[in-house]
C-alpha atoms as a PDB file:
ATOM      1  CA  MET A   1     126.604 103.353 117.611  1.00  0.00           C
ATOM      2  CA  TRP A   2     126.901 101.323 120.819  1.00  0.00           C
ATOM      3  CA  LYS A   3     127.981 103.528 123.730  1.00  0.00           C
ATOM      4  CA  PRO A   4     129.427 101.190 126.399  1.00  0.00           C
ATOM      5  CA  GLU A   5     130.270 104.022 128.794  1.00  0.00           C
ATOM      6  CA  ARG A   6     126.549 104.688 129.229  1.00  0.00           C
ATOM      7  CA  CYS A   7     125.548 101.112 130.036  1.00  0.00           C
ATOM      8  CA  ASP A   8     125.129 100.245 133.735  1.00  0.00           C
ATOM      9  CA  LEU A   9     124.005  96.648 133.053  1.00  0.00           C
ATOM     10  CA  CYS A  10     120.568  97.303 134.537  1.00  0.00           C
ATOM     11  CA  GLY A  11     118.951  94.900 132.040  1.00  0.00           C
ATOM     12  CA  ASP A  12     116.012  97.198 131.258  1.00  0.00           C
ATOM     13  CA  CYS A  13     116.596  97.008 127.505  1.00  0.00           C
ATOM     14  CA  LEU A  14     116.263  93.227 127.229  1.00  0.00           C
ATOM     15  CA  GLU A  15     113.727  92.733 130.013  1.00  0.00           C
ATOM     16  CA  ALA A  16     111.322  95.140 128.283  1.00  0.00           C
ATOM     17  CA  CYS A  17     111.640  93.362 124.915  1.00  0.00           C
ATOM     18  CA  LEU A  18     108.235  92.156 123.741  1.00  0.00           C
ATOM     19  CA  TYR A  19     109.711  89.053 122.082  1.00  0.00           C
ATOM     20  CA  LEU A  20     112.531  87.662 124.237  1.00  0.00           C
ATOM     21  CA  GLY A  21     110.585  87.014 127.468  1.00  0.00           C
ATOM     22  CA  TYR A  22     113.569  87.558 129.812  1.00  0.00           C
ATOM     23  CA  ASP A  23     113.301  88.380 133.503  1.00  0.00           C
ATOM     24  CA  ARG A  24     115.689  90.915 135.030  1.00  0.00           C
ATOM     25  CA  GLU A  25     118.344  88.350 136.012  1.00  0.00           C
ATOM     26  CA  ARG A  26     118.347  86.740 132.563  1.00  0.00           C
ATOM     27  CA  ALA A  27     118.439  90.123 130.851  1.00  0.00           C
ATOM     28  CA  GLN A  28     121.493  91.206 132.832  1.00  0.00           C
ATOM     29  CA  LYS A  29     123.234  87.887 132.162  1.00  0.00           C
ATOM     30  CA  GLU A  30     122.686  88.081 128.397  1.00  0.00           C
ATOM     31  CA  MET A  31     123.769  91.718 128.262  1.00  0.00           C
ATOM     32  CA  LYS A  32     127.018  90.871 130.033  1.00  0.00           C
ATOM     33  CA  ALA A  33     127.660  88.086 127.524  1.00  0.00           C
ATOM     34  CA  LEU A  34     127.083  90.444 124.589  1.00  0.00           C
ATOM     35  CA  ILE A  35     129.500  93.016 125.973  1.00  0.00           C
ATOM     36  CA  ALA A  36     132.128  90.346 126.701  1.00  0.00           C
ATOM     37  CA  GLY A  37     131.959  89.099 123.118  1.00  0.00           C
ATOM     38  CA  LYS A  38     130.469  85.757 124.162  1.00  0.00           C
ATOM     39  CA  HIS A  39     127.522  84.032 122.533  1.00  0.00           C
ATOM     40  CA  SER A  40     124.123  85.132 123.770  1.00  0.00           C
ATOM     41  CA  SER A  41     120.688  83.749 122.937  1.00  0.00           C
ATOM     42  CA  VAL A  42     119.776  87.328 121.998  1.00  0.00           C
ATOM     43  CA  LEU A  43     121.749  86.831 118.796  1.00  0.00           C
ATOM     44  CA  ASP A  44     119.476  83.921 117.845  1.00  0.00           C
ATOM     45  CA  ASP A  45     116.131  85.359 118.911  1.00  0.00           C
ATOM     46  CA  CYS A  46     116.290  89.117 118.235  1.00  0.00           C
ATOM     47  CA  ILE A  47     113.941  90.125 115.403  1.00  0.00           C
ATOM     48  CA  THR A  48     115.771  93.463 114.882  1.00  0.00           C
ATOM     49  CA  CYS A  49     112.898  95.764 115.859  1.00  0.00           C
ATOM     50  CA  CYS A  50     115.302  98.289 117.491  1.00  0.00           C
ATOM     51  CA  GLY A  51     113.030  98.539 120.537  1.00  0.00           C
ATOM     52  CA  CYS A  52     115.826  98.035 123.062  1.00  0.00           C
ATOM     53  CA  ASN A  53     117.353 101.363 122.031  1.00  0.00           C
ATOM     54  CA  THR A  54     114.109 102.992 123.144  1.00  0.00           C
ATOM     55  CA  TYR A  55     113.884 101.055 126.409  1.00  0.00           C
ATOM     56  CA  CYS A  56     117.405 102.112 127.462  1.00  0.00           C
ATOM     57  CA  THR A  57     116.996 105.343 129.425  1.00  0.00           C
ATOM     58  CA  ARG A  58     120.739 106.076 129.368  1.00  0.00           C
ATOM     59  CA  GLY A  59     121.119 106.201 125.589  1.00  0.00           C
ATOM     60  CA  ALA A  60     123.608 103.308 125.399  1.00  0.00           C
ATOM     61  CA  ARG A  61     122.122 102.034 122.105  1.00  0.00           C
ATOM     62  CA  PRO A  62     122.129  98.272 122.928  1.00  0.00           C
ATOM     63  CA  PHE A  63     120.528  97.381 119.592  1.00  0.00           C
ATOM     64  CA  ASP A  64     123.627  98.662 117.817  1.00  0.00           C
ATOM     65  CA  LEU A  65     125.740  96.281 119.894  1.00  0.00           C
ATOM     66  CA  ILE A  66     123.405  93.372 119.114  1.00  0.00           C
ATOM     67  CA  ILE A  67     123.573  93.948 115.355  1.00  0.00           C
ATOM     68  CA  HIS A  68     127.368  94.253 115.458  1.00  0.00           C
ATOM     69  CA  ARG A  69     127.682  91.013 117.426  1.00  0.00           C
ATOM     70  CA  MET A  70     125.293  89.245 115.027  1.00  0.00           C
ATOM     71  CA  GLU A  71     127.555  90.054 112.126  1.00  0.00           C
ATOM     72  CA  GLU A  72     130.650  89.051 114.080  1.00  0.00           C
ATOM     73  CA  GLU A  73     129.156  85.625 114.772  1.00  0.00           C
ATOM     74  CA  GLY A  74     127.992  85.137 111.226  1.00  0.00           C
ATOM     75  CA  SER A  75     124.300  85.365 112.075  1.00  0.00           C
ATOM     76  CA  ALA A  76     123.863  87.551 109.013  1.00  0.00           C
ATOM     77  CA  LEU A  77     124.982  84.576 106.924  1.00  0.00           C
ATOM     78  CA  LYS A  78     123.020  81.910 108.750  1.00  0.00           C
ATOM     79  CA  LYS A  79     119.827  83.925 108.688  1.00  0.00           C
ATOM     80  CA  GLY A  80     120.596  85.742 105.475  1.00  0.00           C
ATOM     81  CA  CYS A  81     117.230  85.804 103.685  1.00  0.00           C
ATOM     82  CA  ALA A  82     116.544  89.411 104.651  1.00  0.00           C
ATOM     83  CA  THR A  83     120.071  90.467 103.747  1.00  0.00           C
ATOM     84  CA  ALA A  84     119.948  88.818 100.344  1.00  0.00           C
ATOM     85  CA  LEU A  85     116.561  90.352  99.620  1.00  0.00           C
ATOM     86  CA  LEU A  86     117.701  93.858 100.480  1.00  0.00           C
ATOM     87  CA  GLU A  87     120.912  93.558  98.479  1.00  0.00           C
ATOM     88  CA  VAL A  88     119.199  92.254  95.356  1.00  0.00           C
ATOM     89  CA  PHE A  89     116.198  94.540  95.603  1.00  0.00           C
ATOM     90  CA  CYS A  90     117.959  97.758  96.481  1.00  0.00           C
ATOM     91  CA  PHE A  91     121.283  97.528  94.703  1.00  0.00           C
ATOM     92  CA  ASN A  92     120.565  95.465  91.618  1.00  0.00           C
ATOM     93  CA  LEU A  93     116.895  95.661  90.641  1.00  0.00           C
ATOM     94  CA  ALA A  94     115.864  99.200  91.460  1.00  0.00           C
ATOM     95  CA  ARG A  95     116.440 101.570  88.562  1.00  0.00           C
ATOM     96  CA  ASN A  96     117.940 104.982  89.248  1.00  0.00           C
ATOM     97  CA  PHE A  97     116.027 108.002  88.069  1.00  0.00           C
ATOM     98  CA  THR A  98     115.593 111.732  88.595  1.00  0.00           C
ATOM     99  CA  ARG A  99     112.413 113.539  87.633  1.00  0.00           C
ATOM    100  CA  LYS A 100     112.976 117.280  87.450  1.00  0.00           C
ATOM    101  CA  THR A 101     110.058 119.632  87.124  1.00  0.00           C
ATOM    102  CA  ILE A 102     110.685 123.329  87.672  1.00  0.00           C
ATOM    103  CA  LYS A 103     113.351 125.268  89.491  1.00  0.00           C
ATOM    104  CA  GLY A 104     112.383 125.897  93.099  1.00  0.00           C
ATOM    105  CA  ALA A 105     109.984 122.931  93.321  1.00  0.00           C
ATOM    106  CA  PRO A 106     110.309 120.634  96.376  1.00  0.00           C
ATOM    107  CA  TRP A 107     112.616 117.616  96.177  1.00  0.00           C
ATOM    108  CA  MET A 108     111.556 114.169  97.353  1.00  0.00           C
ATOM    109  CA  SER A 109     113.581 110.986  97.711  1.00  0.00           C
ATOM    110  CA  ILE A 110     111.426 107.880  97.279  1.00  0.00           C
ATOM    111  CA  CYS A 111     114.228 105.348  97.779  1.00  0.00           C
ATOM    112  CA  CYS A 112     113.081 102.117  96.114  1.00  0.00           C
ATOM    113  CA  MET A 113     109.400 102.574  96.903  1.00  0.00           C
ATOM    114  CA  GLU A 114     108.444 102.607  93.243  1.00  0.00           C
ATOM    115  CA  TYR A 115     109.029  98.855  93.442  1.00  0.00           C
ATOM    116  CA  PHE A 116     106.046  98.611  95.797  1.00  0.00           C
ATOM    117  CA  GLN A 117     103.914 101.364  94.311  1.00  0.00           C
ATOM    118  CA  PRO A 118     104.138 101.349  90.513  1.00  0.00           C
ATOM    119  CA  HIS A 119     102.865 104.578  88.960  1.00  0.00           C
ATOM    120  CA  LEU A 120     101.813 106.209  92.244  1.00  0.00           C
ATOM    121  CA  PHE A 121     104.377 108.996  92.075  1.00  0.00           C
ATOM    122  CA  TRP A 122     103.599 109.698  88.434  1.00  0.00           C
ATOM    123  CA  ASP A 123      99.785 109.490  88.480  1.00  0.00           C
ATOM    124  CA  SER A 124      98.700 111.159  91.734  1.00  0.00           C
ATOM    125  CA  LYS A 125      97.995 114.881  91.915  1.00  0.00           C
ATOM    126  CA  LEU A 126      99.745 114.926  95.291  1.00  0.00           C
ATOM    127  CA  PHE A 127     103.170 114.535  93.656  1.00  0.00           C
ATOM    128  CA  GLU A 128     102.626 116.777  90.645  1.00  0.00           C
ATOM    129  CA  GLY A 129     105.320 119.403  90.239  1.00  0.00           C
ATOM    130  CA  MET A 130     107.819 117.685  92.548  1.00  0.00           C
ATOM    131  CA  ASN A 131     111.430 116.874  91.759  1.00  0.00           C
ATOM    132  CA  ILE A 132     111.748 113.172  92.574  1.00  0.00           C
ATOM    133  CA  VAL A 133     114.825 110.957  92.877  1.00  0.00           C
ATOM    134  CA  GLY A 134     114.828 107.237  93.509  1.00  0.00           C
ATOM    135  CA  GLY A 135     116.442 103.892  92.853  1.00  0.00           C
ATOM    136  CA  GLY A 136     119.352 101.946  94.292  1.00  0.00           C
ATOM    137  CA  ASP A 137     121.614 104.997  94.547  1.00  0.00           C
ATOM    138  CA  TYR A 138     119.073 106.581  96.878  1.00  0.00           C
ATOM    139  CA  PHE A 139     118.507 103.522  99.046  1.00  0.00           C
ATOM    140  CA  CYS A 140     119.396 104.659 102.571  1.00  0.00           C
ATOM    141  CA  VAL A 141     121.016 101.318 103.574  1.00  0.00           C
ATOM    142  CA  ASN A 142     119.597 101.776 107.081  1.00  0.00           C
ATOM    143  CA  GLY A 143     117.357  98.777 106.405  1.00  0.00           C
ATOM    144  CA  MET A 144     120.360  96.470 106.240  1.00  0.00           C
ATOM    145  CA  VAL A 145     120.249  96.158 110.027  1.00  0.00           C
ATOM    146  CA  HIS A 146     117.210  93.932 109.500  1.00  0.00           C
ATOM    147  CA  GLY A 147     119.576  91.664 107.620  1.00  0.00           C
ATOM    148  CA  ARG A 148     121.498  91.357 110.905  1.00  0.00           C
ATOM    149  CA  GLN A 149     124.579  93.349 109.911  1.00  0.00           C
ATOM    150  CA  ASP A 150     125.885  96.884 110.241  1.00  0.00           C
ATOM    151  CA  THR A 151     128.984  96.863 108.004  1.00  0.00           C
ATOM    152  CA  ALA A 152     126.915  97.611 104.899  1.00  0.00           C
ATOM    153  CA  VAL A 153     125.392 100.618 106.647  1.00  0.00           C
ATOM    154  CA  PHE A 154     128.768 102.126 107.576  1.00  0.00           C
ATOM    155  CA  GLU A 155     130.267 101.380 104.161  1.00  0.00           C
ATOM    156  CA  ASN A 156     127.430 102.870 102.118  1.00  0.00           C
ATOM    157  CA  MET A 157     126.170 105.753 104.256  1.00  0.00           C
ATOM    158  CA  PRO A 158     128.864 108.280 103.174  1.00  0.00           C
ATOM    159  CA  ALA A 159     128.077 107.812  99.472  1.00  0.00           C
ATOM    160  CA  TYR A 160     124.349 108.001 100.202  1.00  0.00           C
ATOM    161  CA  VAL A 161     124.675 111.348 101.949  1.00  0.00           C
ATOM    162  CA  GLU A 162     127.088 112.640  99.279  1.00  0.00           C
ATOM    163  CA  ARG A 163     124.624 111.865  96.473  1.00  0.00           C
ATOM    164  CA  LEU A 164     121.843 113.686  98.312  1.00  0.00           C
ATOM    165  CA  ASN A 165     124.146 116.637  99.007  1.00  0.00           C
ATOM    166  CA  LYS A 166     124.601 117.108  95.252  1.00  0.00           C
ATOM    167  CA  LEU A 167     120.904 117.809  94.717  1.00  0.00           C
ATOM    168  CA  PRO A 168     120.232 121.536  94.179  1.00  0.00           C
ATOM    169  CA  THR A 169     118.042 122.058  97.230  1.00  0.00           C
ATOM    170  CA  ASP A 170     118.254 122.964 100.904  1.00  0.00           C
ATOM    171  CA  GLU A 171     115.418 120.606 101.895  1.00  0.00           C
ATOM    172  CA  ILE A 172     114.630 117.004 100.904  1.00  0.00           C
ATOM    173  CA  VAL A 173     111.371 115.244 101.737  1.00  0.00           C
ATOM    174  CA  PHE A 174     111.818 111.530 102.523  1.00  0.00           C
ATOM    175  CA  TYR A 175     108.883 109.362 101.556  1.00  0.00           C
ATOM    176  CA  HIS A 176     110.110 106.363 103.541  1.00  0.00           C
ATOM    177  CA  ASP A 177     110.594 106.734 107.297  1.00  0.00           C
ATOM    178  CA  GLU A 178     113.618 104.434 107.108  1.00  0.00           C
ATOM    179  CA  CYS A 179     115.374 106.958 104.830  1.00  0.00           C
ATOM    180  CA  TYR A 180     114.715 109.826 107.241  1.00  0.00           C
ATOM    181  CA  ALA A 181     115.912 108.007 110.375  1.00  0.00           C
ATOM    182  CA  PRO A 182     119.669 107.617 109.700  1.00  0.00           C
ATOM    183  CA  PHE A 183     120.207 111.388 109.845  1.00  0.00           C
ATOM    184  CA  PHE A 184     119.511 111.028 113.576  1.00  0.00           C
ATOM    185  CA  SER A 185     121.559 107.856 114.080  1.00  0.00           C
ATOM    186  CA  TYR A 186     124.223 106.461 111.738  1.00  0.00           C
ATOM    187  CA  ALA A 187     124.881 109.599 109.678  1.00  0.00           C
ATOM    188  CA  LYS A 188     125.015 111.668 112.848  1.00  0.00           C
ATOM    189  CA  ASP A 189     127.389 109.242 114.585  1.00  0.00           C
ATOM    190  CA  MET A 190     129.641 109.167 111.526  1.00  0.00           C
ATOM    191  CA  LYS A 191     129.664 112.991 111.466  1.00  0.00           C
ATOM    192  CA  LEU A 192     128.278 113.071 107.938  1.00  0.00           C
ATOM    193  CA  GLU A 193     126.944 116.568 107.433  1.00  0.00           C
ATOM    194  CA  PRO A 194     123.976 117.003 105.073  1.00  0.00           C
ATOM    195  CA  ASN A 195     123.812 120.386 103.367  1.00  0.00           C
ATOM    196  CA  PHE A 196     120.018 120.140 103.379  1.00  0.00           C
ATOM    197  CA  ARG A 197     117.313 119.775 106.024  1.00  0.00           C
ATOM    198  CA  PRO A 198     115.800 116.274 106.111  1.00  0.00           C
ATOM    199  CA  VAL A 199     112.012 116.670 105.985  1.00  0.00           C
ATOM    200  CA  HIS A 200     109.770 113.845 107.131  1.00  0.00           C
ATOM    201  CA  LEU A 201     106.889 112.900 104.842  1.00  0.00           C
ATOM    202  CA  LEU A 202     104.420 113.756 107.605  1.00  0.00           C
ATOM    203  CA  GLU A 203     105.833 117.284 107.911  1.00  0.00           C
ATOM    204  CA  TRP A 204     105.401 117.803 104.183  1.00  0.00           C
ATOM    205  CA  LEU A 205     101.885 116.334 104.132  1.00  0.00           C
ATOM    206  CA  ILE A 206     100.816 118.699 106.914  1.00  0.00           C
ATOM    207  CA  LYS A 207     102.106 121.650 104.889  1.00  0.00           C
ATOM    208  CA  VAL A 208     100.273 120.460 101.752  1.00  0.00           C
ATOM    209  CA  VAL A 209      97.012 120.115 103.675  1.00  0.00           C
ATOM    210  CA  LYS A 210      97.349 123.517 105.312  1.00  0.00           C
ATOM    211  CA  ASP A 211      98.164 125.172 101.977  1.00  0.00           C
ATOM    212  CA  ASN A 212      95.047 123.607 100.455  1.00  0.00           C
ATOM    213  CA  TYR A 213      92.797 123.528 103.499  1.00  0.00           C
ATOM    214  CA  LYS A 214      89.755 124.911 101.646  1.00  0.00           C
ATOM    215  CA  GLU A 215      89.787 121.711  99.578  1.00  0.00           C
ATOM    216  CA  VAL A 216      89.910 119.339 102.564  1.00  0.00           C
ATOM    217  CA  ARG A 217      87.099 116.797 102.800  1.00  0.00           C
ATOM    218  CA  LYS A 218      86.924 115.446 106.343  1.00  0.00           C
ATOM    219  CA  LEU A 219      87.349 111.689 106.168  1.00  0.00           C
ATOM    220  CA  GLY A 220      85.634 110.580 109.386  1.00  0.00           C
ATOM    221  CA  LEU A 221      87.813 107.475 109.775  1.00  0.00           C
ATOM    222  CA  ARG A 222      88.877 105.564 112.894  1.00  0.00           C
ATOM    223  CA  THR A 223      92.498 104.773 112.159  1.00  0.00           C
ATOM    224  CA  ALA A 224      95.115 102.735 113.988  1.00  0.00           C
ATOM    225  CA  ILE A 225      98.756 103.292 113.102  1.00  0.00           C
ATOM    226  CA  GLN A 226     101.499 100.769 112.440  1.00  0.00           C
ATOM    227  CA  LEU A 227     104.807 102.547 112.743  1.00  0.00           C
ATOM    228  CA  PRO A 228     108.109 101.118 111.480  1.00  0.00           C
ATOM    229  CA  CYS A 229     111.155 100.214 113.560  1.00  0.00           C
ATOM    230  CA  SER A 230     112.917 103.331 112.252  1.00  0.00           C
ATOM    231  CA  ILE A 231     110.739 105.658 114.345  1.00  0.00           C
ATOM    232  CA  ARG A 232     113.104 104.892 117.224  1.00  0.00           C
ATOM    233  CA  CYS A 233     115.496 107.418 115.650  1.00  0.00           C
ATOM    234  CA  GLY A 234     114.628 111.097 115.445  1.00  0.00           C
ATOM    235  CA  PRO A 235     111.625 113.188 116.485  1.00  0.00           C
ATOM    236  CA  ASP A 236     108.420 111.685 117.847  1.00  0.00           C
ATOM    237  CA  ARG A 237     106.249 110.902 114.816  1.00  0.00           C
ATOM    238  CA  HIS A 238     103.068 110.893 116.924  1.00  0.00           C
ATOM    239  CA  VAL A 239     103.107 114.695 117.142  1.00  0.00           C
ATOM    240  CA  TRP A 240     102.880 114.951 113.355  1.00  0.00           C
ATOM    241  CA  ILE A 241     100.366 112.116 113.089  1.00  0.00           C
ATOM    242  CA  GLU A 242      98.023 113.742 115.582  1.00  0.00           C
ATOM    243  CA  GLU A 243      98.212 117.082 113.756  1.00  0.00           C
ATOM    244  CA  LEU A 244      97.637 115.515 110.339  1.00  0.00           C
ATOM    245  CA  PHE A 245      94.723 113.414 111.602  1.00  0.00           C
ATOM    246  CA  ASP A 246      93.119 116.460 113.174  1.00  0.00           C
ATOM    247  CA  LEU A 247      93.373 118.382 109.887  1.00  0.00           C
ATOM    248  CA  LEU A 248      91.853 115.496 107.912  1.00  0.00           C
ATOM    249  CA  GLY A 249      89.099 114.591 110.357  1.00  0.00           C
ATOM    250  CA  VAL A 250      90.635 111.225 111.245  1.00  0.00           C
ATOM    251  CA  GLU A 251      90.313 109.748 114.733  1.00  0.00           C
ATOM    252  CA  LEU A 252      93.499 108.168 116.071  1.00  0.00           C
ATOM    253  CA  VAL A 253      92.675 104.821 117.680  1.00  0.00           C
ATOM    254  CA  GLU A 254      94.779 104.270 120.783  1.00  0.00           C
ATOM    255  CA  ARG A 255      95.432 100.587 121.321  1.00  0.00           C
ATOM    256  CA  LYS A 256      97.442  98.171 123.449  1.00  0.00           C
ATOM    257  CA  TYR A 257     100.270  97.590 120.981  1.00  0.00           C
ATOM    258  CA  ASP A 258     101.104 101.214 120.368  1.00  0.00           C
ATOM    259  CA  ARG A 259     103.773 103.778 121.235  1.00  0.00           C
ATOM    260  CA  ARG A 260     106.254 102.186 123.672  1.00  0.00           C
ATOM    261  CA  ASN A 261     104.439  98.852 123.395  1.00  0.00           C
ATOM    262  CA  GLN A 262     104.155  98.746 119.614  1.00  0.00           C
ATOM    263  CA  ILE A 263     104.886  95.415 118.006  1.00  0.00           C
ATOM    264  CA  CYS A 264     106.468  95.037 114.609  1.00  0.00           C
ATOM    265  CA  CYS A 265     104.790  94.070 111.358  1.00  0.00           C
ATOM    266  CA  GLY A 266     106.231  90.557 111.352  1.00  0.00           C
ATOM    267  CA  ALA A 267     107.946  90.834 107.962  1.00  0.00           C
ATOM    268  CA  VAL A 268     111.522  90.378 109.182  1.00  0.00           C
ATOM    269  CA  ALA A 269     110.503  87.511 111.489  1.00  0.00           C
ATOM    270  CA  GLY A 270     109.093  85.703 108.469  1.00  0.00           C
ATOM    271  CA  LEU A 271     112.311  86.206 106.535  1.00  0.00           C
ATOM    272  CA  GLY A 272     114.461  84.604 109.203  1.00  0.00           C
ATOM    273  CA  GLY A 273     115.148  87.537 111.493  1.00  0.00           C
ATOM    274  CA  GLY A 274     114.863  85.531 114.682  1.00  0.00           C
ATOM    275  CA  ALA A 275     113.088  82.591 116.274  1.00  0.00           C
ATOM    276  CA  SER A 276     114.458  79.667 114.249  1.00  0.00           C
ATOM    277  CA  GLU A 277     116.655  78.397 111.434  1.00  0.00           C
ATOM    278  CA  ASP A 278     113.544  76.611 110.155  1.00  0.00           C
ATOM    279  CA  LEU A 279     111.722  78.750 107.569  1.00  0.00           C
ATOM    280  CA  SER A 280     108.346  77.212 108.401  1.00  0.00           C
ATOM    281  CA  GLU A 281     108.867  78.083 112.070  1.00  0.00           C
ATOM    282  CA  ASN A 282     109.774  81.634 111.130  1.00  0.00           C
ATOM    283  CA  GLN A 283     106.609  81.890 109.042  1.00  0.00           C
ATOM    284  CA  ARG A 284     104.537  80.629 111.969  1.00  0.00           C
ATOM    285  CA  PHE A 285     106.146  83.191 114.276  1.00  0.00           C
ATOM    286  CA  SER A 286     105.534  85.948 111.732  1.00  0.00           C
ATOM    287  CA  GLN A 287     101.855  84.992 111.434  1.00  0.00           C
ATOM    288  CA  GLU A 288     101.532  85.023 115.220  1.00  0.00           C
ATOM    289  CA  ILE A 289     102.848  88.609 115.358  1.00  0.00           C
ATOM    290  CA  ARG A 290     100.592  89.698 112.504  1.00  0.00           C
ATOM    291  CA  ASP A 291      97.492  88.081 114.050  1.00  0.00           C
ATOM    292  CA  LYS A 292      98.170  89.757 117.381  1.00  0.00           C
ATOM    293  CA  ASN A 293      98.693  93.123 115.719  1.00  0.00           C
ATOM    294  CA  ILE A 294      95.535  93.081 113.596  1.00  0.00           C
ATOM    295  CA  ALA A 295      93.344  91.645 116.375  1.00  0.00           C
ATOM    296  CA  ASP A 296      94.465  94.472 118.649  1.00  0.00           C
ATOM    297  CA  ALA A 297      93.540  97.165 116.121  1.00  0.00           C
ATOM    298  CA  LYS A 298      90.201  95.449 115.477  1.00  0.00           C
ATOM    299  CA  HIS A 299      89.441  95.179 119.197  1.00  0.00           C
ATOM    300  CA  TYR A 300      89.829  98.930 119.634  1.00  0.00           C
ATOM    301  CA  GLY A 301      87.519  99.740 116.754  1.00  0.00           C
ATOM    302  CA  ALA A 302      89.851 100.703 113.913  1.00  0.00           C
ATOM    303  CA  ASP A 303      88.381 100.689 110.415  1.00  0.00           C
ATOM    304  CA  HIS A 304      91.669 101.760 108.780  1.00  0.00           C
ATOM    305  CA  MET A 305      95.347 101.165 109.547  1.00  0.00           C
ATOM    306  CA  MET A 306      97.933 103.729 108.441  1.00  0.00           C
ATOM    307  CA  PHE A 307     101.548 102.925 107.574  1.00  0.00           C
ATOM    308  CA  LEU A 308     104.730 104.950 107.039  1.00  0.00           C
ATOM    309  CA  CYS A 309     106.646 102.011 105.597  1.00  0.00           C
ATOM    310  CA  PRO A 310     105.646 100.006 102.512  1.00  0.00           C
ATOM    311  CA  PHE A 311     107.414  96.957 103.973  1.00  0.00           C
ATOM    312  CA  CYS A 312     105.037  97.078 106.950  1.00  0.00           C
ATOM    313  CA  TYR A 313     102.101  97.583 104.608  1.00  0.00           C
ATOM    314  CA  ALA A 314     103.246  94.618 102.529  1.00  0.00           C
ATOM    315  CA  ALA A 315     103.326  92.391 105.608  1.00  0.00           C
ATOM    316  CA  LEU A 316      99.965  93.328 107.101  1.00  0.00           C
ATOM    317  CA  ALA A 317      97.705  94.383 104.209  1.00  0.00           C
ATOM    318  CA  ARG A 318      96.181  90.975 103.507  1.00  0.00           C
ATOM    319  CA  ASP A 319      95.373  90.228 107.145  1.00  0.00           C
ATOM    320  CA  ALA A 320      94.065  93.739 107.761  1.00  0.00           C
ATOM    321  CA  LYS A 321      91.650  93.527 104.837  1.00  0.00           C
ATOM    322  CA  ALA A 322      90.476  90.077 105.951  1.00  0.00           C
ATOM    323  CA  SER A 323      89.555  91.623 109.314  1.00  0.00           C
ATOM    324  CA  GLY A 324      87.633  94.504 107.762  1.00  0.00           C
ATOM    325  CA  ILE A 325      90.422  97.054 108.256  1.00  0.00           C
ATOM    326  CA  MET A 326      91.514  99.084 105.227  1.00  0.00           C
ATOM    327  CA  PRO A 327      95.315  99.476 104.963  1.00  0.00           C
ATOM    328  CA  VAL A 328      96.498 102.902 103.792  1.00  0.00           C
ATOM    329  CA  MET A 329      99.775 104.763 103.577  1.00  0.00           C
ATOM    330  CA  ALA A 330      99.987 108.233 105.124  1.00  0.00           C
ATOM    331  CA  ALA A 331      99.994 109.853 101.683  1.00  0.00           C
ATOM    332  CA  ASP A 332      96.795 107.979 100.804  1.00  0.00           C
ATOM    333  CA  LEU A 333      94.851 109.838 103.483  1.00  0.00           C
ATOM    334  CA  VAL A 334      95.820 113.191 101.974  1.00  0.00           C
ATOM    335  CA  ARG A 335      95.090 111.978  98.450  1.00  0.00           C
ATOM    336  CA  MET A 336      91.648 110.793  99.559  1.00  0.00           C
ATOM    337  CA  SER A 337      90.839 114.042 101.328  1.00  0.00           C
ATOM    338  CA  LEU A 338      92.174 116.640  98.878  1.00  0.00           C
ATOM    339  CA  TYR A 339      91.760 114.938  95.518  1.00  0.00           C
ATOM    340  CA  GLY A 340      89.186 112.181  95.995  1.00  0.00           C
ATOM    341  CA  GLU A 341      91.737 109.599  94.862  1.00  0.00           C
ATOM    342  CA  GLU A 342      91.444 105.977  95.902  1.00  0.00           C
ATOM    343  CA  PRO A 343      94.147 104.346  98.060  1.00  0.00           C
ATOM    344  CA  THR A 344      96.796 102.694  95.933  1.00  0.00           C
ATOM    345  CA  GLU A 345      96.900  98.920  95.833  1.00  0.00           C
ATOM    346  CA  TYR A 346     100.426  98.241  96.998  1.00  0.00           C
ATOM    347  CA  VAL A 347     102.322  95.081  96.190  1.00  0.00           C
ATOM    348  CA  THR A 348     102.052  92.844  99.248  1.00  0.00           C
ATOM    349  CA  ALA A 349     104.565  90.559 100.875  1.00  0.00           C
ATOM    350  CA  LEU A 350     102.319  87.638  99.966  1.00  0.00           C
ATOM    351  CA  GLU A 351     102.595  88.516  96.281  1.00  0.00           C
ATOM    352  CA  ARG A 352     106.365  88.879  96.596  1.00  0.00           C
ATOM    353  CA  GLY A 353     106.593  85.480  98.268  1.00  0.00           C
ATOM    354  CA  TRP A 354     108.214  86.833 101.450  1.00  0.00           C
ATOM    355  CA  ILE A 355     105.565  85.456 103.798  1.00  0.00           C
ATOM    356  CA  GLN A 356     102.950  82.711 103.508  1.00  0.00           C
END
């Protein structure tokens, strides 16, 4: 949550934003307006990438203030495509299910990812023998911030944690990075205590590879990474990525738009998360972000691009393939190496009609 006592109005958070284009004076002016409860152009142009929380060295969490002010002003209603999509997709369409295997087997929460990846969790050897839960009841709600509101997060987070607490395990692997992140942000701020250890997918994949290292086939790929907005909460994912890549014989391509300077996938921008009330203008802005992202990876010699978020994959898969870059999820790399399985064809944002 926003921590006003830590903010010194330096303007770093908004000046460093890769989308707003503010100088220091403008950044300080807009931050003052946000804090005073006045209208700021940030509320119109923010694409909800959460980057400003990273740029603030004092831990004030300015992004949390921005989202709260967006909802106060009704921005969530004016630019509600993303909100409507998340509500329908996660609360109404996604079926709830629990697949139990044997006592003592690992537990994994896949949120609503089955919607993107039909059959993956049932057909791949990687997930054999796992207890898996998924569906709307296991949607983390953290993604609602991309719908420009935080009320839904605060209202639904307690029930989310309570449902997970009822699972008979002391560790839960989270397939989606967005489901892992709130245990280091919203759930933590709300003092919601999990009775299990949240395990990131990358942690689990590293363990699987190490346990089966004799079966590893070095992949020899040059891979760029596209990390989701949610990596701004919790441990540094790069540490795990570098270890996993080393185990699998994958070269990590360092590029311009990476780490602190990473740009988003463009999905939320295309849904109305900034730039304009005009859908066609939002689509143009989204394509601009996607073109810049893929061109950067191509320039630095990537032949694959790895994702931790199926939403990001959905936004960039078509353009990546058109540029000769193969999109893969993190789990795909392990499946390819250990079992010789082909990367899953995920449902793209183009097919869903989210972007043009």
